[in-house]
Amino acid sequence: MTPTRYAFVKANWHAEIVDRALDGFLELIPADKVDVYDVPGAFELPLLARDLAATGRYGAVAAAAFVVDGGIYRHDFVAQAVVDGLMRAGLDTGVPVLSVSLTPHHYQETEHHRAIYSNHFVEKGREAARAALMITSTRAGLSRIAA
C-alpha cells in the first residue's frame, strides 16, 4: 500500500521565495499529511530527499530550491547536480522525488523579481502537489493490479 504522507524539503537560501512553494503545496495537500524539513541550500536536497524516501513513510517527497546566477559559473552545475540527485534518489528508493527547483538566468535582488518568483513558486508548489497526488494514486492502482 502506498503511504499517504508526504515530505516537503526546502532550501533555506532565498527562503522568503522558496517557502512560497510550500504554501502552494499545502493548498492541495492538508498540512497534517505533510512533514516539512529544511536544509541549508539546494545542494543538500538530494541527500535528505533520499533519506526521507528510504524510510518508506512517504508516498512522495517534494524538494524546493531557488538557484540563482550570482555572477560566477556555479549555479549551472549546482542546479544540474540537484536535479540529477533528486531523480537518482527517487529511482534508488522507488519513491517519487519531485523537483521544485528553479534556476532563473537573470534574477536580481529587486522587489519586482522577488514578487515574480514568489508567485511562481506558489504555482510550482501546487504543481508538485498535483504530481504527488497523481503519482501516489497511480502507484496505488498498480499495487492493486499486481495483487
Protein backbone atom coordinates (compact mmCIF):
# COMPACT_ATOMS: atom_id res chain seq x y z
CA MET A 1 0.00 0.00 0.00
CA THR A 2 1.30 3.46 -0.93
CA PRO A 3 1.75 5.76 2.09
CA THR A 4 -0.48 8.83 2.14
CA ARG A 5 2.02 11.11 3.89
CA TYR A 6 4.26 13.48 2.00
CA ALA A 7 7.61 15.08 2.78
CA PHE A 8 8.48 18.59 1.67
CA VAL A 9 12.14 19.61 1.82
CA LYS A 10 13.10 23.22 1.25
CA ALA A 11 16.41 25.03 0.96
CA ASN A 12 16.98 27.99 3.28
CA TRP A 13 18.76 30.10 0.65
CA HIS A 14 16.20 32.66 -0.53
CA ALA A 15 13.73 31.23 1.99
CA GLU A 16 11.37 34.18 1.54
CA ILE A 17 10.83 32.94 -2.04
CA VAL A 18 11.32 29.17 -1.66
CA ASP A 19 8.86 28.93 1.24
CA ARG A 20 6.09 30.06 -1.11
CA ALA A 21 6.31 26.65 -2.81
CA LEU A 22 5.25 25.05 0.46
CA ASP A 23 2.31 27.48 0.58
CA GLY A 24 1.17 26.25 -2.83
CA PHE A 25 1.74 22.59 -1.90
CA LEU A 26 -0.41 22.98 1.22
CA GLU A 27 -3.27 24.46 -0.78
CA LEU A 28 -3.86 20.97 -2.22
CA ILE A 29 -2.50 18.59 0.39
CA PRO A 30 -3.57 19.06 4.03
CA ALA A 31 -0.79 20.20 6.36
CA ASP A 32 -1.43 17.25 8.69
CA LYS A 33 -0.31 14.92 5.87
CA VAL A 34 2.95 16.82 5.17
CA ASP A 35 6.19 16.72 7.11
CA VAL A 36 8.40 19.73 6.39
CA TYR A 37 12.19 19.73 6.52
CA ASP A 38 14.74 22.48 5.97
CA VAL A 39 18.24 22.14 4.54
CA PRO A 40 20.91 24.83 4.22
CA GLY A 41 20.86 25.07 0.43
CA ALA A 42 19.93 23.36 -2.81
CA PHE A 43 22.98 21.10 -2.83
CA GLU A 44 21.76 19.32 0.32
CA LEU A 45 18.30 18.50 -1.07
CA PRO A 46 19.07 15.15 -2.78
CA LEU A 47 20.67 13.57 0.29
CA LEU A 48 17.80 14.39 2.64
CA ALA A 49 15.22 13.56 -0.04
CA ARG A 50 16.84 10.14 -0.47
CA ASP A 51 16.96 9.55 3.29
CA LEU A 52 13.29 10.52 3.69
CA ALA A 53 12.20 8.40 0.72
CA ALA A 54 14.12 5.42 2.11
CA THR A 55 12.09 5.49 5.34
CA GLY A 56 9.06 4.11 3.48
CA ARG A 57 6.89 6.61 5.33
CA TYR A 58 6.13 8.85 2.35
CA GLY A 59 4.19 8.39 -0.87
CA ALA A 60 6.29 11.16 -2.42
CA VAL A 61 8.94 13.69 -1.47
CA ALA A 62 8.98 17.23 -2.89
CA ALA A 63 12.15 19.31 -2.81
CA ALA A 64 12.27 23.07 -3.37
CA ALA A 65 15.18 25.41 -4.06
CA PHE A 66 16.00 28.63 -5.87
CA VAL A 67 19.43 28.51 -7.52
CA VAL A 68 20.39 31.94 -8.82
CA ASP A 69 23.16 33.14 -11.08
CA GLY A 70 25.37 35.07 -8.72
CA GLY A 71 27.72 36.19 -11.46
CA ILE A 72 30.04 33.20 -11.28
CA TYR A 73 29.76 29.92 -13.14
CA ARG A 74 28.44 27.95 -10.17
CA HIS A 75 24.68 27.94 -10.48
CA ASP A 76 24.68 25.73 -13.60
CA PHE A 77 26.48 22.81 -12.00
CA VAL A 78 24.60 23.19 -8.71
CA ALA A 79 21.23 23.15 -10.48
CA GLN A 80 22.21 20.14 -12.61
CA ALA A 81 23.60 18.24 -9.63
CA VAL A 82 20.44 18.90 -7.61
CA VAL A 83 18.04 17.75 -10.33
CA ASP A 84 20.17 14.69 -11.12
CA GLY A 85 20.45 13.85 -7.42
CA LEU A 86 16.72 14.15 -6.86
CA MET A 87 16.00 11.88 -9.81
CA ARG A 88 18.53 9.35 -8.56
CA ALA A 89 17.02 9.47 -5.05
CA GLY A 90 13.63 8.56 -6.49
CA LEU A 91 14.96 5.82 -8.72
CA ASP A 92 17.15 4.34 -5.98
CA THR A 93 14.37 4.24 -3.39
CA GLY A 94 11.35 3.62 -5.58
CA VAL A 95 9.61 6.65 -4.06
CA PRO A 96 8.75 9.62 -6.31
CA VAL A 97 11.00 12.60 -5.59
CA LEU A 98 9.65 15.77 -7.16
CA SER A 99 11.74 18.81 -8.01
CA VAL A 100 10.51 22.32 -7.35
CA SER A 101 13.92 23.77 -8.19
CA LEU A 102 14.10 26.91 -10.29
CA THR A 103 17.19 28.47 -11.84
CA PRO A 104 16.46 31.87 -13.37
CA HIS A 105 19.04 33.33 -15.73
CA HIS A 106 18.61 36.97 -14.83
CA TYR A 107 17.43 37.18 -11.22
CA GLN A 108 18.07 40.47 -9.48
CA GLU A 109 17.54 41.31 -5.80
CA THR A 110 14.69 43.71 -6.51
CA GLU A 111 11.18 43.82 -5.13
CA HIS A 112 9.85 43.23 -8.64
CA HIS A 113 11.83 39.99 -9.13
CA ARG A 114 11.10 38.78 -5.60
CA ALA A 115 7.38 39.21 -6.28
CA ILE A 116 7.54 37.46 -9.66
CA TYR A 117 9.44 34.45 -8.33
CA SER A 118 7.47 34.26 -5.08
CA ASN A 119 4.26 33.98 -7.08
CA HIS A 120 5.88 31.47 -9.44
CA PHE A 121 6.94 29.29 -6.50
CA VAL A 122 3.36 29.19 -5.21
CA GLU A 123 2.27 27.77 -8.57
CA LYS A 124 5.23 25.36 -8.66
CA GLY A 125 4.20 24.14 -5.19
CA ARG A 126 0.68 23.49 -6.48
CA GLU A 127 2.12 21.61 -9.47
CA ALA A 128 4.26 19.46 -7.16
CA ALA A 129 1.21 18.69 -5.01
CA ARG A 130 -0.80 17.68 -8.09
CA ALA A 131 2.06 15.47 -9.23
CA ALA A 132 2.42 13.91 -5.77
CA LEU A 133 -1.29 13.14 -5.58
CA MET A 134 -1.41 11.75 -9.10
CA ILE A 135 1.67 9.54 -8.81
CA THR A 136 0.62 8.11 -5.44
CA SER A 137 -2.84 7.38 -6.82
CA THR A 138 -1.40 5.76 -9.93
CA ARG A 139 1.03 3.67 -7.91
CA ALA A 140 -1.75 2.58 -5.52
CA GLY A 141 -3.71 1.41 -8.58
CA LEU A 142 -0.69 -0.55 -9.78
CA SER A 143 -0.34 -2.30 -6.46
CA ARG A 144 -3.99 -3.43 -6.68
CA ILE A 145 -3.37 -4.82 -10.18
CA ALA A 146 -0.28 -6.70 -9.01
CA ALA A 147 -2.09 -8.21 -6.03
